[in-house]
Amino acid sequence: MTSIAELEKAKREAREKPNTLNLEPNITRQLRVLTDPLVDEFLIKFDGQFEGKIKQEIIDETNRIRRRVFEVLELKCTAIMNQFNDQYDEFIKLQGWYTHKSAGIRHQITRDELAYELCECIRKVYYTYMEDRLPEKYRLEVLETYLLQDKDAAKD
């Protein structure tokens, strides 16, 4: 008879992709659940106000949302790094991929590999997913503002 633990283990192994920590899809999904309410609140608050002239109030609010989302990402990634540092063996057991599946040997994850996975999560949530949900006109305005600031700073 198969135990529930064996079924869960088989289910987790079936989802695993070789040579990846499998963190990125799971963490990205978790982070989206945390960041969606922030963006949804913004979209509801300014519903119908995105057309016409660009409003400084909306730009300020998009910047506030970006800061809040970044804070959420930072806290989550810090917690993962702390778990890696404090409970390495358990972390490897849960997140490492198999180097020899029949022997049950998992790859010994390095800090660099973990950092890369976390950077992918941040990129997908912050720079792709969240930005795609904001109104295009305000995405462009903020990008142009920051790019111009960087360009002006470089001249000085």
C-alpha atoms as a PDB file:
ATOM      1  CA  MET A   1       0.000   0.000   0.000  1.00  0.00           C
ATOM      2  CA  THR A   2       1.316   3.453  -0.933  1.00  0.00           C
ATOM      3  CA  SER A   3       1.519   6.037   1.837  1.00  0.00           C
ATOM      4  CA  ILE A   4       0.481   9.665   1.503  1.00  0.00           C
ATOM      5  CA  ALA A   5       4.105  10.718   2.034  1.00  0.00           C
ATOM      6  CA  GLU A   6       5.217   8.542  -0.892  1.00  0.00           C
ATOM      7  CA  LEU A   7       2.474   9.992  -3.090  1.00  0.00           C
ATOM      8  CA  GLU A   8       3.485  13.544  -2.167  1.00  0.00           C
ATOM      9  CA  LYS A   9       7.136  12.741  -2.893  1.00  0.00           C
ATOM     10  CA  ALA A  10       6.254  11.231  -6.286  1.00  0.00           C
ATOM     11  CA  LYS A  11       4.065  14.234  -7.103  1.00  0.00           C
ATOM     12  CA  ARG A  12       6.878  16.663  -6.199  1.00  0.00           C
ATOM     13  CA  GLU A  13       9.426  14.696  -8.235  1.00  0.00           C
ATOM     14  CA  ALA A  14       7.127  14.640 -11.259  1.00  0.00           C
ATOM     15  CA  ARG A  15       6.990  18.453 -11.216  1.00  0.00           C
ATOM     16  CA  GLU A  16      10.750  18.822 -10.951  1.00  0.00           C
ATOM     17  CA  LYS A  17      12.675  20.131 -13.890  1.00  0.00           C
ATOM     18  CA  PRO A  18      16.231  18.826 -14.203  1.00  0.00           C
ATOM     19  CA  ASN A  19      19.026  21.216 -13.248  1.00  0.00           C
ATOM     20  CA  THR A  20      16.812  23.763 -11.580  1.00  0.00           C
ATOM     21  CA  LEU A  21      15.925  24.448  -7.991  1.00  0.00           C
ATOM     22  CA  ASN A  22      12.247  24.510  -8.941  1.00  0.00           C
ATOM     23  CA  LEU A  23      11.975  27.605  -6.796  1.00  0.00           C
ATOM     24  CA  GLU A  24      11.254  30.080  -9.560  1.00  0.00           C
ATOM     25  CA  PRO A  25       7.760  28.877 -10.556  1.00  0.00           C
ATOM     26  CA  ASN A  26       6.698  28.329  -6.951  1.00  0.00           C
ATOM     27  CA  ILE A  27       8.124  31.553  -5.548  1.00  0.00           C
ATOM     28  CA  THR A  28       6.874  33.567  -8.524  1.00  0.00           C
ATOM     29  CA  ARG A  29       3.374  32.217  -7.942  1.00  0.00           C
ATOM     30  CA  GLN A  30       3.571  33.057  -4.208  1.00  0.00           C
ATOM     31  CA  LEU A  31       4.882  36.550  -4.892  1.00  0.00           C
ATOM     32  CA  ARG A  32       2.144  37.233  -7.423  1.00  0.00           C
ATOM     33  CA  VAL A  33      -0.430  36.351  -4.767  1.00  0.00           C
ATOM     34  CA  LEU A  34       1.205  38.909  -2.464  1.00  0.00           C
ATOM     35  CA  THR A  35       1.603  41.659  -5.068  1.00  0.00           C
ATOM     36  CA  ASP A  36      -1.713  41.333  -6.908  1.00  0.00           C
ATOM     37  CA  PRO A  37      -3.758  43.068  -4.175  1.00  0.00           C
ATOM     38  CA  LEU A  38      -1.395  46.066  -4.261  1.00  0.00           C
ATOM     39  CA  VAL A  39      -1.810  46.529  -8.008  1.00  0.00           C
ATOM     40  CA  ASP A  40      -5.542  45.752  -7.909  1.00  0.00           C
ATOM     41  CA  GLU A  41      -6.052  48.421  -5.229  1.00  0.00           C
ATOM     42  CA  PHE A  42      -4.270  50.964  -7.443  1.00  0.00           C
ATOM     43  CA  LEU A  43      -6.289  50.036 -10.539  1.00  0.00           C
ATOM     44  CA  ILE A  44      -9.575  50.323  -8.642  1.00  0.00           C
ATOM     45  CA  LYS A  45      -8.581  53.625  -6.999  1.00  0.00           C
ATOM     46  CA  PHE A  46      -7.771  55.300 -10.330  1.00  0.00           C
ATOM     47  CA  ASP A  47     -10.274  53.479 -12.542  1.00  0.00           C
ATOM     48  CA  GLY A  48     -11.220  55.697 -15.506  1.00  0.00           C
ATOM     49  CA  GLN A  49      -8.486  58.261 -14.794  1.00  0.00           C
ATOM     50  CA  PHE A  50      -5.745  56.810 -16.992  1.00  0.00           C
ATOM     51  CA  GLU A  51      -6.828  58.585 -20.175  1.00  0.00           C
ATOM     52  CA  GLY A  52      -5.877  62.141 -21.031  1.00  0.00           C
ATOM     53  CA  LYS A  53      -3.052  64.127 -19.518  1.00  0.00           C
ATOM     54  CA  ILE A  54      -0.611  62.291 -17.260  1.00  0.00           C
ATOM     55  CA  LYS A  55      -1.393  62.998 -13.605  1.00  0.00           C
ATOM     56  CA  GLN A  56       1.385  63.369 -11.068  1.00  0.00           C
ATOM     57  CA  GLU A  57      -0.803  61.747  -8.404  1.00  0.00           C
ATOM     58  CA  ILE A  58      -0.981  58.539 -10.458  1.00  0.00           C
ATOM     59  CA  ILE A  59       2.773  58.589 -11.107  1.00  0.00           C
ATOM     60  CA  ASP A  60       3.397  59.010  -7.378  1.00  0.00           C
ATOM     61  CA  GLU A  61       1.062  56.101  -6.669  1.00  0.00           C
ATOM     62  CA  THR A  62       2.804  53.831  -9.205  1.00  0.00           C
ATOM     63  CA  ASN A  63       6.109  54.643  -7.518  1.00  0.00           C
ATOM     64  CA  ARG A  64       4.588  53.826  -4.115  1.00  0.00           C
ATOM     65  CA  ILE A  65       3.345  50.477  -5.448  1.00  0.00           C
ATOM     66  CA  ARG A  66       6.764  49.694  -6.917  1.00  0.00           C
ATOM     67  CA  ARG A  67       8.375  50.380  -3.529  1.00  0.00           C
ATOM     68  CA  ARG A  68       5.831  48.193  -1.705  1.00  0.00           C
ATOM     69  CA  VAL A  69       6.225  45.345  -4.194  1.00  0.00           C
ATOM     70  CA  PHE A  70       9.995  45.595  -3.948  1.00  0.00           C
ATOM     71  CA  GLU A  71       9.746  45.438  -0.135  1.00  0.00           C
ATOM     72  CA  VAL A  72       7.603  42.277  -0.381  1.00  0.00           C
ATOM     73  CA  LEU A  73      10.113  40.711  -2.779  1.00  0.00           C
ATOM     74  CA  GLU A  74      13.027  41.657  -0.548  1.00  0.00           C
ATOM     75  CA  LEU A  75      11.415  40.161   2.572  1.00  0.00           C
ATOM     76  CA  LYS A  76      10.504  36.909   0.817  1.00  0.00           C
ATOM     77  CA  CYS A  77      13.939  36.478  -0.795  1.00  0.00           C
ATOM     78  CA  THR A  78      15.676  37.291   2.501  1.00  0.00           C
ATOM     79  CA  ALA A  79      13.587  34.629   4.260  1.00  0.00           C
ATOM     80  CA  ILE A  80      14.563  32.073   1.620  1.00  0.00           C
ATOM     81  CA  MET A  81      18.266  32.938   1.934  1.00  0.00           C
ATOM     82  CA  ASN A  82      17.990  32.673   5.729  1.00  0.00           C
ATOM     83  CA  GLN A  83      16.383  29.242   5.408  1.00  0.00           C
ATOM     84  CA  PHE A  84      19.203  28.231   3.053  1.00  0.00           C
ATOM     85  CA  ASN A  85      21.819  29.426   5.574  1.00  0.00           C
ATOM     86  CA  ASP A  86      20.115  28.038   8.701  1.00  0.00           C
ATOM     87  CA  GLN A  87      18.641  24.756   7.424  1.00  0.00           C
ATOM     88  CA  TYR A  88      20.832  23.813   4.479  1.00  0.00           C
ATOM     89  CA  ASP A  89      20.265  20.034   4.606  1.00  0.00           C
ATOM     90  CA  GLU A  90      16.489  20.417   4.748  1.00  0.00           C
ATOM     91  CA  PHE A  91      16.620  23.027   2.002  1.00  0.00           C
ATOM     92  CA  ILE A  92      18.592  20.656  -0.254  1.00  0.00           C
ATOM     93  CA  LYS A  93      16.127  17.860   0.468  1.00  0.00           C
ATOM     94  CA  LEU A  94      13.180  20.030  -0.563  1.00  0.00           C
ATOM     95  CA  GLN A  95      14.699  22.087  -3.378  1.00  0.00           C
ATOM     96  CA  GLY A  96      17.730  20.343  -4.860  1.00  0.00           C
ATOM     97  CA  TRP A  97      17.407  18.347  -8.061  1.00  0.00           C
ATOM     98  CA  TYR A  98      18.468  14.729  -8.271  1.00  0.00           C
ATOM     99  CA  THR A  99      21.950  14.022  -9.570  1.00  0.00           C
ATOM    100  CA  HIS A 100      21.320  10.298  -9.127  1.00  0.00           C
ATOM    101  CA  LYS A 101      17.610   9.663  -8.735  1.00  0.00           C
ATOM    102  CA  SER A 102      17.696   5.940  -7.932  1.00  0.00           C
ATOM    103  CA  ALA A 103      20.259   6.588  -5.178  1.00  0.00           C
ATOM    104  CA  GLY A 104      18.288   9.613  -3.946  1.00  0.00           C
ATOM    105  CA  ILE A 105      21.316  11.910  -4.251  1.00  0.00           C
ATOM    106  CA  ARG A 106      20.430  15.546  -4.698  1.00  0.00           C
ATOM    107  CA  HIS A 107      22.592  18.315  -6.100  1.00  0.00           C
ATOM    108  CA  GLN A 108      24.257  20.413  -3.422  1.00  0.00           C
ATOM    109  CA  ILE A 109      22.864  23.855  -4.164  1.00  0.00           C
ATOM    110  CA  THR A 110      25.266  26.789  -3.994  1.00  0.00           C
ATOM    111  CA  ARG A 111      24.456  30.326  -2.903  1.00  0.00           C
ATOM    112  CA  ASP A 112      25.060  31.486  -6.488  1.00  0.00           C
ATOM    113  CA  GLU A 113      22.488  29.056  -7.871  1.00  0.00           C
ATOM    114  CA  LEU A 114      19.957  30.127  -5.266  1.00  0.00           C
ATOM    115  CA  ALA A 115      20.689  33.807  -5.902  1.00  0.00           C
ATOM    116  CA  TYR A 116      20.163  33.284  -9.638  1.00  0.00           C
ATOM    117  CA  GLU A 117      16.779  31.622  -9.042  1.00  0.00           C
ATOM    118  CA  LEU A 118      15.709  34.440  -6.738  1.00  0.00           C
ATOM    119  CA  CYS A 119      16.799  37.042  -9.301  1.00  0.00           C
ATOM    120  CA  GLU A 120      14.624  35.276 -11.870  1.00  0.00           C
ATOM    121  CA  CYS A 121      11.671  35.475  -9.473  1.00  0.00           C
ATOM    122  CA  ILE A 122      12.223  39.189  -8.925  1.00  0.00           C
ATOM    123  CA  ARG A 123      12.608  39.813 -12.641  1.00  0.00           C
ATOM    124  CA  LYS A 124       9.425  37.964 -13.504  1.00  0.00           C
ATOM    125  CA  VAL A 125       7.293  39.511 -10.765  1.00  0.00           C
ATOM    126  CA  TYR A 126       8.653  43.046 -10.573  1.00  0.00           C
ATOM    127  CA  TYR A 127       9.963  43.834 -14.033  1.00  0.00           C
ATOM    128  CA  THR A 128       7.527  41.800 -16.104  1.00  0.00           C
ATOM    129  CA  TYR A 129       4.334  40.729 -14.376  1.00  0.00           C
ATOM    130  CA  MET A 130       3.668  43.823 -12.244  1.00  0.00           C
ATOM    131  CA  GLU A 131       4.707  46.320 -14.908  1.00  0.00           C
ATOM    132  CA  ASP A 132       2.444  44.630 -17.461  1.00  0.00           C
ATOM    133  CA  ARG A 133      -0.526  45.247 -15.177  1.00  0.00           C
ATOM    134  CA  LEU A 134       0.110  48.990 -14.862  1.00  0.00           C
ATOM    135  CA  PRO A 135      -1.339  51.325 -17.532  1.00  0.00           C
ATOM    136  CA  GLU A 136       1.100  51.624 -20.441  1.00  0.00           C
ATOM    137  CA  LYS A 137       1.180  55.415 -20.492  1.00  0.00           C
ATOM    138  CA  TYR A 138       2.325  55.508 -16.857  1.00  0.00           C
ATOM    139  CA  ARG A 139       4.888  52.750 -17.359  1.00  0.00           C
ATOM    140  CA  LEU A 140       6.445  54.779 -20.153  1.00  0.00           C
ATOM    141  CA  GLU A 141       6.323  58.045 -18.199  1.00  0.00           C
ATOM    142  CA  VAL A 142       8.122  56.527 -15.232  1.00  0.00           C
ATOM    143  CA  LEU A 143      10.713  54.832 -17.439  1.00  0.00           C
ATOM    144  CA  GLU A 144      11.384  58.042 -19.341  1.00  0.00           C
ATOM    145  CA  THR A 145      11.665  60.006 -16.092  1.00  0.00           C
ATOM    146  CA  TYR A 146      14.197  57.589 -14.612  1.00  0.00           C
ATOM    147  CA  LEU A 147      16.134  57.233 -17.848  1.00  0.00           C
ATOM    148  CA  LEU A 148      16.347  60.999 -18.232  1.00  0.00           C
ATOM    149  CA  GLN A 149      17.465  61.358 -14.596  1.00  0.00           C
ATOM    150  CA  ASP A 150      20.210  58.784 -15.186  1.00  0.00           C
ATOM    151  CA  LYS A 151      21.248  60.505 -18.404  1.00  0.00           C
ATOM    152  CA  ASP A 152      21.342  63.937 -16.722  1.00  0.00           C
ATOM    153  CA  ALA A 153      23.310  62.522 -13.779  1.00  0.00           C
ATOM    154  CA  ALA A 154      25.852  61.038 -16.179  1.00  0.00           C
ATOM    155  CA  LYS A 155      26.418  64.461 -17.779  1.00  0.00           C
ATOM    156  CA  ASP A 156      27.245  66.080 -14.419  1.00  0.00           C
END
